Amino acid sequence: RLLKDWKRDSDGNWYTTDRSLGSTVNLLLIDG
């Protein structure tokens, strides 16, 4: 799934609240 709505917090960490993420993450790709 291509996650959207990325935001950066005050510490410089990236996060998303994209509801398509679900509760289980099996793998993560950043820029492929």
ModelCIF file with pLDDT and N, C-alpha, C, O atoms, coordinates in Angstrom:
data_MODEL
#
_entry.id   MODEL 
#
_entity.id                         1 
_entity.type                       polymer 
_entity.pdbx_number_of_molecules   1 
#
_entity_poly.entity_id                      1 
_entity_poly.type                           'polypeptide(L)' 
_entity_poly.nstd_linkage                   no 
_entity_poly.nstd_monomer                   no 
_entity_poly.pdbx_seq_one_letter_code       RLLKDWKRDSDGNWYTTDRSLGSTVNLLLIDG 
_entity_poly.pdbx_seq_one_letter_code_can   RLLKDWKRDSDGNWYTTDRSLGSTVNLLLIDG 
_entity_poly.pdbx_strand_id                 A 
#
loop_
_entity_poly_seq.entity_id 
_entity_poly_seq.num 
_entity_poly_seq.mon_id 
_entity_poly_seq.hetero 
1 1  ARG n 
1 2  LEU n 
1 3  LEU n 
1 4  LYS n 
1 5  ASP n 
1 6  TRP n 
1 7  LYS n 
1 8  ARG n 
1 9  ASP n 
1 10 SER n 
1 11 ASP n 
1 12 GLY n 
1 13 ASN n 
1 14 TRP n 
1 15 TYR n 
1 16 THR n 
1 17 THR n 
1 18 ASP n 
1 19 ARG n 
1 20 SER n 
1 21 LEU n 
1 22 GLY n 
1 23 SER n 
1 24 THR n 
1 25 VAL n 
1 26 ASN n 
1 27 LEU n 
1 28 LEU n 
1 29 LEU n 
1 30 ILE n 
1 31 ASP n 
1 32 GLY n 
#
_struct_asym.id          A 
_struct_asym.entity_id   1 
#
loop_
_ma_qa_metric.id 
_ma_qa_metric.mode 
_ma_qa_metric.name 
_ma_qa_metric.software_group_id 
_ma_qa_metric.type 
1 global pLDDT . pLDDT 
2 local  pLDDT . pLDDT 
#
_ma_qa_metric_global.metric_id      1 
_ma_qa_metric_global.metric_value   78.88 
_ma_qa_metric_global.model_id       1 
_ma_qa_metric_global.ordinal_id     1 
#
loop_
_ma_qa_metric_local.label_asym_id 
_ma_qa_metric_local.label_comp_id 
_ma_qa_metric_local.label_seq_id 
_ma_qa_metric_local.metric_id 
_ma_qa_metric_local.metric_value 
_ma_qa_metric_local.model_id 
_ma_qa_metric_local.ordinal_id 
A ARG 1  2 77.00 1 1  
A LEU 2  2 77.00 1 2  
A LEU 3  2 79.00 1 3  
A LYS 4  2 80.00 1 4  
A ASP 5  2 83.00 1 5  
A TRP 6  2 83.00 1 6  
A LYS 7  2 87.00 1 7  
A ARG 8  2 87.00 1 8  
A ASP 9  2 86.00 1 9  
A SER 10 2 87.00 1 10 
A ASP 11 2 82.00 1 11 
A GLY 12 2 82.00 1 12 
A ASN 13 2 78.00 1 13 
A TRP 14 2 78.00 1 14 
A TYR 15 2 81.00 1 15 
A THR 16 2 81.00 1 16 
A THR 17 2 82.00 1 17 
A ASP 18 2 80.00 1 18 
A ARG 19 2 76.00 1 19 
A SER 20 2 72.00 1 20 
A LEU 21 2 72.00 1 21 
A GLY 22 2 70.00 1 22 
A SER 23 2 70.00 1 23 
A THR 24 2 72.00 1 24 
A VAL 25 2 75.00 1 25 
A ASN 26 2 75.00 1 26 
A LEU 27 2 78.00 1 27 
A LEU 28 2 78.00 1 28 
A LEU 29 2 79.00 1 29 
A ILE 30 2 80.00 1 30 
A ASP 31 2 79.00 1 31 
A GLY 32 2 78.00 1 32 
#
loop_
_atom_site.group_PDB 
_atom_site.id 
_atom_site.type_symbol 
_atom_site.label_atom_id 
_atom_site.label_alt_id 
_atom_site.label_comp_id 
_atom_site.label_asym_id 
_atom_site.label_entity_id 
_atom_site.label_seq_id 
_atom_site.pdbx_PDB_ins_code 
_atom_site.Cartn_x 
_atom_site.Cartn_y 
_atom_site.Cartn_z 
_atom_site.occupancy 
_atom_site.B_iso_or_equiv 
_atom_site.pdbx_formal_charge 
_atom_site.auth_seq_id 
_atom_site.auth_comp_id 
_atom_site.auth_asym_id 
_atom_site.auth_atom_id 
_atom_site.pdbx_PDB_model_num 
ATOM 1   N N  . ARG A 1 1  ? 0.855  -1.187 0.000  1.00 77.00 ? 1  ARG A N  1 
ATOM 2   C CA . ARG A 1 1  ? 0.000  0.000  0.000  1.00 77.00 ? 1  ARG A CA 1 
ATOM 3   C C  . ARG A 1 1  ? 0.887  1.233  0.000  1.00 77.00 ? 1  ARG A C  1 
ATOM 4   O O  . ARG A 1 1  ? 1.892  1.281  0.710  1.00 77.00 ? 1  ARG A O  1 
ATOM 5   N N  . LEU A 1 2  ? 0.525  2.211  -0.782 1.00 77.00 ? 2  LEU A N  1 
ATOM 6   C CA . LEU A 1 2  ? 1.219  3.480  -0.810 1.00 77.00 ? 2  LEU A CA 1 
ATOM 7   C C  . LEU A 1 2  ? 0.572  4.369  0.255  1.00 77.00 ? 2  LEU A C  1 
ATOM 8   O O  . LEU A 1 2  ? -0.584 4.769  0.123  1.00 77.00 ? 2  LEU A O  1 
ATOM 9   N N  . LEU A 1 3  ? 1.332  4.672  1.309  1.00 79.00 ? 3  LEU A N  1 
ATOM 10  C CA . LEU A 1 3  ? 0.793  5.465  2.412  1.00 79.00 ? 3  LEU A CA 1 
ATOM 11  C C  . LEU A 1 3  ? 0.862  6.945  2.080  1.00 79.00 ? 3  LEU A C  1 
ATOM 12  O O  . LEU A 1 3  ? 1.805  7.417  1.446  1.00 79.00 ? 3  LEU A O  1 
ATOM 13  N N  . LYS A 1 4  ? -0.150 7.658  2.520  1.00 80.00 ? 4  LYS A N  1 
ATOM 14  C CA . LYS A 1 4  ? -0.237 9.096  2.246  1.00 80.00 ? 4  LYS A CA 1 
ATOM 15  C C  . LYS A 1 4  ? -0.303 9.855  3.567  1.00 80.00 ? 4  LYS A C  1 
ATOM 16  O O  . LYS A 1 4  ? -0.305 9.253  4.641  1.00 80.00 ? 4  LYS A O  1 
ATOM 17  N N  . ASP A 1 5  ? -0.356 11.152 3.477  1.00 83.00 ? 5  ASP A N  1 
ATOM 18  C CA . ASP A 1 5  ? -0.525 12.047 4.629  1.00 83.00 ? 5  ASP A CA 1 
ATOM 19  C C  . ASP A 1 5  ? 0.643  11.975 5.612  1.00 83.00 ? 5  ASP A C  1 
ATOM 20  O O  . ASP A 1 5  ? 0.436  11.955 6.825  1.00 83.00 ? 5  ASP A O  1 
ATOM 21  N N  . TRP A 1 6  ? 1.866  11.936 5.090  1.00 83.00 ? 6  TRP A N  1 
ATOM 22  C CA . TRP A 1 6  ? 3.051  11.935 5.952  1.00 83.00 ? 6  TRP A CA 1 
ATOM 23  C C  . TRP A 1 6  ? 3.239  13.306 6.568  1.00 83.00 ? 6  TRP A C  1 
ATOM 24  O O  . TRP A 1 6  ? 3.048  14.328 5.909  1.00 83.00 ? 6  TRP A O  1 
ATOM 25  N N  . LYS A 1 7  ? 3.620  13.320 7.846  1.00 87.00 ? 7  LYS A N  1 
ATOM 26  C CA . LYS A 1 7  ? 3.887  14.568 8.574  1.00 87.00 ? 7  LYS A CA 1 
ATOM 27  C C  . LYS A 1 7  ? 5.185  14.401 9.337  1.00 87.00 ? 7  LYS A C  1 
ATOM 28  O O  . LYS A 1 7  ? 5.621  13.280 9.599  1.00 87.00 ? 7  LYS A O  1 
ATOM 29  N N  . ARG A 1 8  ? 5.800  15.512 9.693  1.00 87.00 ? 8  ARG A N  1 
ATOM 30  C CA . ARG A 1 8  ? 7.045  15.493 10.456 1.00 87.00 ? 8  ARG A CA 1 
ATOM 31  C C  . ARG A 1 8  ? 6.786  16.136 11.811 1.00 87.00 ? 8  ARG A C  1 
ATOM 32  O O  . ARG A 1 8  ? 6.219  17.226 11.889 1.00 87.00 ? 8  ARG A O  1 
ATOM 33  N N  . ASP A 1 9  ? 7.208  15.448 12.897 1.00 86.00 ? 9  ASP A N  1 
ATOM 34  C CA . ASP A 1 9  ? 7.002  16.014 14.228 1.00 86.00 ? 9  ASP A CA 1 
ATOM 35  C C  . ASP A 1 9  ? 8.144  16.972 14.575 1.00 86.00 ? 9  ASP A C  1 
ATOM 36  O O  . ASP A 1 9  ? 9.061  17.160 13.776 1.00 86.00 ? 9  ASP A O  1 
ATOM 37  N N  . SER A 1 10 ? 8.090  17.572 15.761 1.00 87.00 ? 10 SER A N  1 
ATOM 38  C CA . SER A 1 10 ? 9.072  18.576 16.166 1.00 87.00 ? 10 SER A CA 1 
ATOM 39  C C  . SER A 1 10 ? 10.481 18.002 16.343 1.00 87.00 ? 10 SER A C  1 
ATOM 40  O O  . SER A 1 10 ? 11.453 18.758 16.338 1.00 87.00 ? 10 SER A O  1 
ATOM 41  N N  . ASP A 1 11 ? 10.610 16.678 16.501 1.00 82.00 ? 11 ASP A N  1 
ATOM 42  C CA . ASP A 1 11 ? 11.928 16.039 16.604 1.00 82.00 ? 11 ASP A CA 1 
ATOM 43  C C  . ASP A 1 11 ? 12.480 15.626 15.247 1.00 82.00 ? 11 ASP A C  1 
ATOM 44  O O  . ASP A 1 11 ? 13.579 15.077 15.170 1.00 82.00 ? 11 ASP A O  1 
ATOM 45  N N  . GLY A 1 12 ? 11.738 15.880 14.184 1.00 82.00 ? 12 GLY A N  1 
ATOM 46  C CA . GLY A 1 12 ? 12.191 15.512 12.848 1.00 82.00 ? 12 GLY A CA 1 
ATOM 47  C C  . GLY A 1 12 ? 11.793 14.114 12.418 1.00 82.00 ? 12 GLY A C  1 
ATOM 48  O O  . GLY A 1 12 ? 12.229 13.657 11.361 1.00 82.00 ? 12 GLY A O  1 
ATOM 49  N N  . ASN A 1 13 ? 10.976 13.414 13.204 1.00 78.00 ? 13 ASN A N  1 
ATOM 50  C CA . ASN A 1 13 ? 10.519 12.064 12.870 1.00 78.00 ? 13 ASN A CA 1 
ATOM 51  C C  . ASN A 1 13 ? 9.307  12.133 11.954 1.00 78.00 ? 13 ASN A C  1 
ATOM 52  O O  . ASN A 1 13 ? 8.437  12.988 12.123 1.00 78.00 ? 13 ASN A O  1 
ATOM 53  N N  . TRP A 1 14 ? 9.256  11.229 10.986 1.00 78.00 ? 14 TRP A N  1 
ATOM 54  C CA . TRP A 1 14 ? 8.136  11.163 10.061 1.00 78.00 ? 14 TRP A CA 1 
ATOM 55  C C  . TRP A 1 14 ? 7.099  10.175 10.577 1.00 78.00 ? 14 TRP A C  1 
ATOM 56  O O  . TRP A 1 14 ? 7.454  9.143  11.147 1.00 78.00 ? 14 TRP A O  1 
ATOM 57  N N  . TYR A 1 15 ? 5.811  10.486 10.380 1.00 81.00 ? 15 TYR A N  1 
ATOM 58  C CA . TYR A 1 15 ? 4.737  9.588  10.764 1.00 81.00 ? 15 TYR A CA 1 
ATOM 59  C C  . TYR A 1 15 ? 3.549  9.810  9.835  1.00 81.00 ? 15 TYR A C  1 
ATOM 60  O O  . TYR A 1 15 ? 3.446  10.832 9.157  1.00 81.00 ? 15 TYR A O  1 
ATOM 61  N N  . THR A 1 16 ? 2.661  8.828  9.826  1.00 81.00 ? 16 THR A N  1 
ATOM 62  C CA . THR A 1 16 ? 1.433  8.955  9.052  1.00 81.00 ? 16 THR A CA 1 
ATOM 63  C C  . THR A 1 16 ? 0.265  8.415  9.864  1.00 81.00 ? 16 THR A C  1 
ATOM 64  O O  . THR A 1 16 ? 0.426  7.512  10.685 1.00 81.00 ? 16 THR A O  1 
ATOM 65  N N  . THR A 1 17 ? -0.887 8.970  9.627  1.00 82.00 ? 17 THR A N  1 
ATOM 66  C CA . THR A 1 17 ? -2.122 8.469  10.236 1.00 82.00 ? 17 THR A CA 1 
ATOM 67  C C  . THR A 1 17 ? -3.025 7.880  9.149  1.00 82.00 ? 17 THR A C  1 
ATOM 68  O O  . THR A 1 17 ? -4.238 7.771  9.328  1.00 82.00 ? 17 THR A O  1 
ATOM 69  N N  . ASP A 1 18 ? -2.418 7.503  8.024  1.00 80.00 ? 18 ASP A N  1 
ATOM 70  C CA . ASP A 1 18 ? -3.141 6.916  6.902  1.00 80.00 ? 18 ASP A CA 1 
ATOM 71  C C  . ASP A 1 18 ? -3.896 5.668  7.375  1.00 80.00 ? 18 ASP A C  1 
ATOM 72  O O  . ASP A 1 18 ? -3.276 4.718  7.854  1.00 80.00 ? 18 ASP A O  1 
ATOM 73  N N  . ARG A 1 19 ? -5.208 5.662  7.248  1.00 76.00 ? 19 ARG A N  1 
ATOM 74  C CA . ARG A 1 19 ? -6.035 4.569  7.756  1.00 76.00 ? 19 ARG A CA 1 
ATOM 75  C C  . ARG A 1 19 ? -5.875 3.279  6.952  1.00 76.00 ? 19 ARG A C  1 
ATOM 76  O O  . ARG A 1 19 ? -6.290 2.220  7.423  1.00 76.00 ? 19 ARG A O  1 
ATOM 77  N N  . SER A 1 20 ? -5.287 3.333  5.757  1.00 72.00 ? 20 SER A N  1 
ATOM 78  C CA . SER A 1 20 ? -5.105 2.107  4.975  1.00 72.00 ? 20 SER A CA 1 
ATOM 79  C C  . SER A 1 20 ? -3.967 1.252  5.519  1.00 72.00 ? 20 SER A C  1 
ATOM 80  O O  . SER A 1 20 ? -3.780 0.119  5.077  1.00 72.00 ? 20 SER A O  1 
ATOM 81  N N  . LEU A 1 21 ? -3.202 1.785  6.477  1.00 72.00 ? 21 LEU A N  1 
ATOM 82  C CA . LEU A 1 21 ? -2.063 1.052  7.033  1.00 72.00 ? 21 LEU A CA 1 
ATOM 83  C C  . LEU A 1 21 ? -2.490 -0.222 7.739  1.00 72.00 ? 21 LEU A C  1 
ATOM 84  O O  . LEU A 1 21 ? -1.810 -1.241 7.616  1.00 72.00 ? 21 LEU A O  1 
ATOM 85  N N  . GLY A 1 22 ? -3.566 -0.200 8.458  1.00 70.00 ? 22 GLY A N  1 
ATOM 86  C CA . GLY A 1 22 ? -3.997 -1.389 9.189  1.00 70.00 ? 22 GLY A CA 1 
ATOM 87  C C  . GLY A 1 22 ? -3.205 -1.566 10.472 1.00 70.00 ? 22 GLY A C  1 
ATOM 88  O O  . GLY A 1 22 ? -2.417 -0.697 10.846 1.00 70.00 ? 22 GLY A O  1 
ATOM 89  N N  . SER A 1 23 ? -3.413 -2.692 11.149 1.00 70.00 ? 23 SER A N  1 
ATOM 90  C CA . SER A 1 23 ? -2.776 -2.918 12.441 1.00 70.00 ? 23 SER A CA 1 
ATOM 91  C C  . SER A 1 23 ? -1.493 -3.726 12.342 1.00 70.00 ? 23 SER A C  1 
ATOM 92  O O  . SER A 1 23 ? -0.737 -3.776 13.312 1.00 70.00 ? 23 SER A O  1 
ATOM 93  N N  . THR A 1 24 ? -1.217 -4.362 11.203 1.00 72.00 ? 24 THR A N  1 
ATOM 94  C CA . THR A 1 24 ? -0.028 -5.193 11.058 1.00 72.00 ? 24 THR A CA 1 
ATOM 95  C C  . THR A 1 24 ? 0.798  -4.700 9.879  1.00 72.00 ? 24 THR A C  1 
ATOM 96  O O  . THR A 1 24 ? 0.281  -4.508 8.779  1.00 72.00 ? 24 THR A O  1 
ATOM 97  N N  . VAL A 1 25 ? 2.084  -4.498 10.122 1.00 75.00 ? 25 VAL A N  1 
ATOM 98  C CA . VAL A 1 25 ? 2.998  -4.113 9.061  1.00 75.00 ? 25 VAL A CA 1 
ATOM 99  C C  . VAL A 1 25 ? 3.978  -5.267 8.865  1.00 75.00 ? 25 VAL A C  1 
ATOM 100 O O  . VAL A 1 25 ? 4.685  -5.655 9.795  1.00 75.00 ? 25 VAL A O  1 
ATOM 101 N N  . ASN A 1 26 ? 4.015  -5.811 7.652  1.00 75.00 ? 26 ASN A N  1 
ATOM 102 C CA . ASN A 1 26 ? 4.907  -6.927 7.368  1.00 75.00 ? 26 ASN A CA 1 
ATOM 103 C C  . ASN A 1 26 ? 6.228  -6.483 6.767  1.00 75.00 ? 26 ASN A C  1 
ATOM 104 O O  . ASN A 1 26 ? 7.256  -7.124 6.988  1.00 75.00 ? 26 ASN A O  1 
ATOM 105 N N  . LEU A 1 27 ? 6.213  -5.410 6.022  1.00 78.00 ? 27 LEU A N  1 
ATOM 106 C CA . LEU A 1 27 ? 7.442  -4.850 5.495  1.00 78.00 ? 27 LEU A CA 1 
ATOM 107 C C  . LEU A 1 27 ? 7.230  -3.397 5.145  1.00 78.00 ? 27 LEU A C  1 
ATOM 108 O O  . LEU A 1 27 ? 6.102  -2.945 4.949  1.00 78.00 ? 27 LEU A O  1 
ATOM 109 N N  . LEU A 1 28 ? 8.338  -2.664 5.068  1.00 78.00 ? 28 LEU A N  1 
ATOM 110 C CA . LEU A 1 28 ? 8.292  -1.235 4.811  1.00 78.00 ? 28 LEU A CA 1 
ATOM 111 C C  . LEU A 1 28 ? 9.347  -0.892 3.780  1.00 78.00 ? 28 LEU A C  1 
ATOM 112 O O  . LEU A 1 28 ? 10.505 -1.288 3.909  1.00 78.00 ? 28 LEU A O  1 
ATOM 113 N N  . LEU A 1 29 ? 8.946  -0.155 2.756  1.00 79.00 ? 29 LEU A N  1 
ATOM 114 C CA . LEU A 1 29 ? 9.873  0.343  1.750  1.00 79.00 ? 29 LEU A CA 1 
ATOM 115 C C  . LEU A 1 29 ? 9.880  1.856  1.821  1.00 79.00 ? 29 LEU A C  1 
ATOM 116 O O  . LEU A 1 29 ? 8.826  2.480  1.939  1.00 79.00 ? 29 LEU A O  1 
ATOM 117 N N  . ILE A 1 30 ? 11.048 2.441  1.750  1.00 80.00 ? 30 ILE A N  1 
ATOM 118 C CA . ILE A 1 30 ? 11.168 3.892  1.633  1.00 80.00 ? 30 ILE A CA 1 
ATOM 119 C C  . ILE A 1 30 ? 11.913 4.159  0.348  1.00 80.00 ? 30 ILE A C  1 
ATOM 120 O O  . ILE A 1 30 ? 13.056 3.732  0.185  1.00 80.00 ? 30 ILE A O  1 
ATOM 121 N N  . ASP A 1 31 ? 11.270 4.868  -0.569 1.00 79.00 ? 31 ASP A N  1 
ATOM 122 C CA . ASP A 1 31 ? 11.826 5.118  -1.904 1.00 79.00 ? 31 ASP A CA 1 
ATOM 123 C C  . ASP A 1 31 ? 12.285 3.826  -2.561 1.00 79.00 ? 31 ASP A C  1 
ATOM 124 O O  . ASP A 1 31 ? 13.327 3.799  -3.216 1.00 79.00 ? 31 ASP A O  1 
ATOM 125 N N  . GLY A 1 32 ? 11.514 2.751  -2.391 1.00 78.00 ? 32 GLY A N  1 
ATOM 126 C CA . GLY A 1 32 ? 11.805 1.476  -3.028 1.00 78.00 ? 32 GLY A CA 1 
ATOM 127 C C  . GLY A 1 32 ? 12.840 0.617  -2.327 1.00 78.00 ? 32 GLY A C  1 
ATOM 128 O O  . GLY A 1 32 ? 13.151 -0.479 -2.794 1.00 78.00 ? 32 GLY A O  1 
#
